[in-house]
Amino acid sequence: MPDDILICAADAIVDGGKGVRFALTAGGEDATGFVVRHGGKAFAYLNRCAHVPIELDWNEGDFFESSKLYLMCSTHGAIYVPETGQCAGGPCRGGRLRPIAVVERDQNIYWQPDDYVRPARA
């Protein structure tokens, strides 16, 4: 699809391993998204905690907590289900991460812009 934007090679992300960040514009503001692999599938989200709108990773690409079962915000410990972005515990109560559509093809992972998340400004 012509609107798909390359994030990385598919083998750059492994189950429960480091994620890959990518630049975008969210609601007209410069921001980042990230893609991780969980259960063999790639999932991408806006890199913004549902509790306080700050980036989740404590070191670049570190989104999973120690058990590798949940994504975790490094600031206040909010945890999220990797497959859905739904809050699973902590101060994000009832919130969820903003999903970004991704496709995996030809050994690459691409993200798909929508009305809110758009390509990064030049």
C-alpha atoms as a PDB file:
ATOM      1  CA  MET A   1       0.000   0.000   0.000  1.00  0.00           C
ATOM      2  CA  PRO A   2       1.477   3.404  -0.919  1.00  0.00           C
ATOM      3  CA  ASP A   3       0.588   5.062   2.416  1.00  0.00           C
ATOM      4  CA  ASP A   4       2.492   2.443   4.437  1.00  0.00           C
ATOM      5  CA  ILE A   5       5.638   3.819   6.081  1.00  0.00           C
ATOM      6  CA  LEU A   6       8.613   1.579   6.795  1.00  0.00           C
ATOM      7  CA  ILE A   7       9.500   1.172  10.483  1.00  0.00           C
ATOM      8  CA  CYS A   8      12.139  -1.558  10.431  1.00  0.00           C
ATOM      9  CA  ALA A   9      13.075  -5.023   9.247  1.00  0.00           C
ATOM     10  CA  ALA A  10      10.763  -7.650  10.752  1.00  0.00           C
ATOM     11  CA  ASP A  11      13.681  -9.409  12.447  1.00  0.00           C
ATOM     12  CA  ALA A  12      14.627  -6.186  14.291  1.00  0.00           C
ATOM     13  CA  ILE A  13      11.977  -6.993  16.904  1.00  0.00           C
ATOM     14  CA  VAL A  14      11.787 -10.277  18.802  1.00  0.00           C
ATOM     15  CA  ASP A  15       9.143 -11.551  21.206  1.00  0.00           C
ATOM     16  CA  GLY A  16       9.423  -9.653  24.497  1.00  0.00           C
ATOM     17  CA  GLY A  17      12.551  -7.855  23.317  1.00  0.00           C
ATOM     18  CA  LYS A  18      13.326  -4.233  22.642  1.00  0.00           C
ATOM     19  CA  GLY A  19      10.856  -2.252  20.605  1.00  0.00           C
ATOM     20  CA  VAL A  20      11.648   0.114  17.768  1.00  0.00           C
ATOM     21  CA  ARG A  21      10.641   3.754  18.027  1.00  0.00           C
ATOM     22  CA  PHE A  22       9.596   5.836  15.021  1.00  0.00           C
ATOM     23  CA  ALA A  23       8.833   9.530  14.513  1.00  0.00           C
ATOM     24  CA  LEU A  24       5.312  10.710  13.699  1.00  0.00           C
ATOM     25  CA  THR A  25       2.892  13.561  14.212  1.00  0.00           C
ATOM     26  CA  ALA A  26      -0.007  12.909  16.612  1.00  0.00           C
ATOM     27  CA  GLY A  27      -2.823  15.421  16.712  1.00  0.00           C
ATOM     28  CA  GLY A  28      -0.551  17.951  15.021  1.00  0.00           C
ATOM     29  CA  GLU A  29       2.289  17.543  17.566  1.00  0.00           C
ATOM     30  CA  ASP A  30       5.679  15.874  17.087  1.00  0.00           C
ATOM     31  CA  ALA A  31       5.641  12.496  18.830  1.00  0.00           C
ATOM     32  CA  THR A  32       6.936   8.937  18.580  1.00  0.00           C
ATOM     33  CA  GLY A  33       5.327   5.593  18.065  1.00  0.00           C
ATOM     34  CA  PHE A  34       6.788   2.196  18.851  1.00  0.00           C
ATOM     35  CA  VAL A  35       6.456  -1.350  17.614  1.00  0.00           C
ATOM     36  CA  VAL A  36       7.046  -4.493  19.692  1.00  0.00           C
ATOM     37  CA  ARG A  37       6.558  -8.196  19.105  1.00  0.00           C
ATOM     38  CA  HIS A  38       4.448 -10.328  21.440  1.00  0.00           C
ATOM     39  CA  GLY A  39       3.146 -13.830  20.759  1.00  0.00           C
ATOM     40  CA  GLY A  40       4.810 -13.731  17.344  1.00  0.00           C
ATOM     41  CA  LYS A  41       2.840 -10.688  16.186  1.00  0.00           C
ATOM     42  CA  ALA A  42       3.852  -7.034  15.804  1.00  0.00           C
ATOM     43  CA  PHE A  43       1.892  -4.383  17.719  1.00  0.00           C
ATOM     44  CA  ALA A  44       2.386  -0.620  17.494  1.00  0.00           C
ATOM     45  CA  TYR A  45       1.233   2.213  19.730  1.00  0.00           C
ATOM     46  CA  LEU A  46       1.653   5.923  20.210  1.00  0.00           C
ATOM     47  CA  ASN A  47       4.501   6.271  22.722  1.00  0.00           C
ATOM     48  CA  ARG A  48       2.325   8.087  25.253  1.00  0.00           C
ATOM     49  CA  CYS A  49       1.129   6.737  28.606  1.00  0.00           C
ATOM     50  CA  ALA A  50      -2.644   6.841  29.230  1.00  0.00           C
ATOM     51  CA  HIS A  51      -1.997   8.059  32.800  1.00  0.00           C
ATOM     52  CA  VAL A  52       0.244  11.050  32.053  1.00  0.00           C
ATOM     53  CA  PRO A  53       1.068  11.828  28.389  1.00  0.00           C
ATOM     54  CA  ILE A  54       4.779  10.960  28.568  1.00  0.00           C
ATOM     55  CA  GLU A  55       6.845   8.363  26.712  1.00  0.00           C
ATOM     56  CA  LEU A  56       6.825   4.848  28.144  1.00  0.00           C
ATOM     57  CA  ASP A  57      10.352   3.533  27.561  1.00  0.00           C
ATOM     58  CA  TRP A  58      12.983   4.094  30.260  1.00  0.00           C
ATOM     59  CA  ASN A  59      15.867   3.283  27.914  1.00  0.00           C
ATOM     60  CA  GLU A  60      15.230   3.638  24.214  1.00  0.00           C
ATOM     61  CA  GLY A  61      13.218   0.620  23.085  1.00  0.00           C
ATOM     62  CA  ASP A  62      12.646  -0.864  26.572  1.00  0.00           C
ATOM     63  CA  PHE A  63       8.857  -1.215  26.745  1.00  0.00           C
ATOM     64  CA  PHE A  64       8.343  -4.624  28.389  1.00  0.00           C
ATOM     65  CA  GLU A  65       8.500  -5.107  32.148  1.00  0.00           C
ATOM     66  CA  SER A  66      10.745  -7.865  33.537  1.00  0.00           C
ATOM     67  CA  SER A  67       8.320 -10.785  32.965  1.00  0.00           C
ATOM     68  CA  LYS A  68       7.952  -9.738  29.284  1.00  0.00           C
ATOM     69  CA  LEU A  69       4.164 -10.167  29.617  1.00  0.00           C
ATOM     70  CA  TYR A  70       3.223  -6.478  29.782  1.00  0.00           C
ATOM     71  CA  LEU A  71       4.280  -3.118  28.400  1.00  0.00           C
ATOM     72  CA  MET A  72       5.179  -0.744  31.210  1.00  0.00           C
ATOM     73  CA  CYS A  73       5.483   3.009  31.648  1.00  0.00           C
ATOM     74  CA  SER A  74       8.834   3.685  33.256  1.00  0.00           C
ATOM     75  CA  THR A  75       7.643   6.766  35.137  1.00  0.00           C
ATOM     76  CA  HIS A  76       4.703   5.588  37.265  1.00  0.00           C
ATOM     77  CA  GLY A  77       4.553   1.843  36.552  1.00  0.00           C
ATOM     78  CA  ALA A  78       1.329   1.682  34.531  1.00  0.00           C
ATOM     79  CA  ILE A  79       1.169  -1.674  32.741  1.00  0.00           C
ATOM     80  CA  TYR A  80      -0.588  -2.503  29.480  1.00  0.00           C
ATOM     81  CA  VAL A  81      -1.599  -5.674  27.616  1.00  0.00           C
ATOM     82  CA  PRO A  82       0.674  -5.859  24.524  1.00  0.00           C
ATOM     83  CA  GLU A  83      -2.055  -7.200  22.199  1.00  0.00           C
ATOM     84  CA  THR A  84      -4.654  -4.520  22.992  1.00  0.00           C
ATOM     85  CA  GLY A  85      -2.929  -1.634  24.759  1.00  0.00           C
ATOM     86  CA  GLN A  86      -5.548  -1.926  27.530  1.00  0.00           C
ATOM     87  CA  CYS A  87      -4.427  -0.911  31.033  1.00  0.00           C
ATOM     88  CA  ALA A  88      -3.761  -4.015  33.149  1.00  0.00           C
ATOM     89  CA  GLY A  89      -2.706  -2.266  36.355  1.00  0.00           C
ATOM     90  CA  GLY A  90      -1.284   0.821  37.950  1.00  0.00           C
ATOM     91  CA  PRO A  91      -2.351   4.459  37.578  1.00  0.00           C
ATOM     92  CA  CYS A  92      -3.671   4.060  33.998  1.00  0.00           C
ATOM     93  CA  ARG A  93      -6.933   2.617  35.400  1.00  0.00           C
ATOM     94  CA  GLY A  94      -9.456   2.228  32.579  1.00  0.00           C
ATOM     95  CA  GLY A  95      -7.122   3.771  29.993  1.00  0.00           C
ATOM     96  CA  ARG A  96      -5.391   2.303  27.015  1.00  0.00           C
ATOM     97  CA  LEU A  97      -2.548   3.033  24.650  1.00  0.00           C
ATOM     98  CA  ARG A  98      -3.427   4.562  21.271  1.00  0.00           C
ATOM     99  CA  PRO A  99      -2.957   1.779  18.674  1.00  0.00           C
ATOM    100  CA  ILE A 100      -1.209   2.358  15.365  1.00  0.00           C
ATOM    101  CA  ALA A 101      -2.037   0.005  12.488  1.00  0.00           C
ATOM    102  CA  VAL A 102       0.947  -2.066  11.334  1.00  0.00           C
ATOM    103  CA  VAL A 103       1.491  -4.589   8.576  1.00  0.00           C
ATOM    104  CA  GLU A 104       4.284  -7.079   8.223  1.00  0.00           C
ATOM    105  CA  ARG A 105       5.272  -8.023   4.671  1.00  0.00           C
ATOM    106  CA  ASP A 106       8.397  -8.728   2.624  1.00  0.00           C
ATOM    107  CA  GLN A 107      10.416  -9.129   5.868  1.00  0.00           C
ATOM    108  CA  ASN A 108       9.610  -5.543   6.922  1.00  0.00           C
ATOM    109  CA  ILE A 109       7.187  -3.819   9.291  1.00  0.00           C
ATOM    110  CA  TYR A 110       5.242  -0.768   8.122  1.00  0.00           C
ATOM    111  CA  TRP A 111       2.864   1.574   9.919  1.00  0.00           C
ATOM    112  CA  GLN A 112      -0.287   3.074   8.464  1.00  0.00           C
ATOM    113  CA  PRO A 113      -1.224   6.718   9.102  1.00  0.00           C
ATOM    114  CA  ASP A 114      -4.800   7.629  10.032  1.00  0.00           C
ATOM    115  CA  ASP A 115      -6.661  10.824  10.902  1.00  0.00           C
ATOM    116  CA  TYR A 116      -4.726  11.279  14.173  1.00  0.00           C
ATOM    117  CA  VAL A 117      -1.281   9.785  13.583  1.00  0.00           C
ATOM    118  CA  ARG A 118       0.413  11.153  10.493  1.00  0.00           C
ATOM    119  CA  PRO A 119       3.931  11.046   9.053  1.00  0.00           C
ATOM    120  CA  ALA A 120       6.499  13.098  10.947  1.00  0.00           C
ATOM    121  CA  ARG A 121       7.013  16.660   9.806  1.00  0.00           C
ATOM    122  CA  ALA A 122      10.169  17.222   7.782  1.00  0.00           C
END
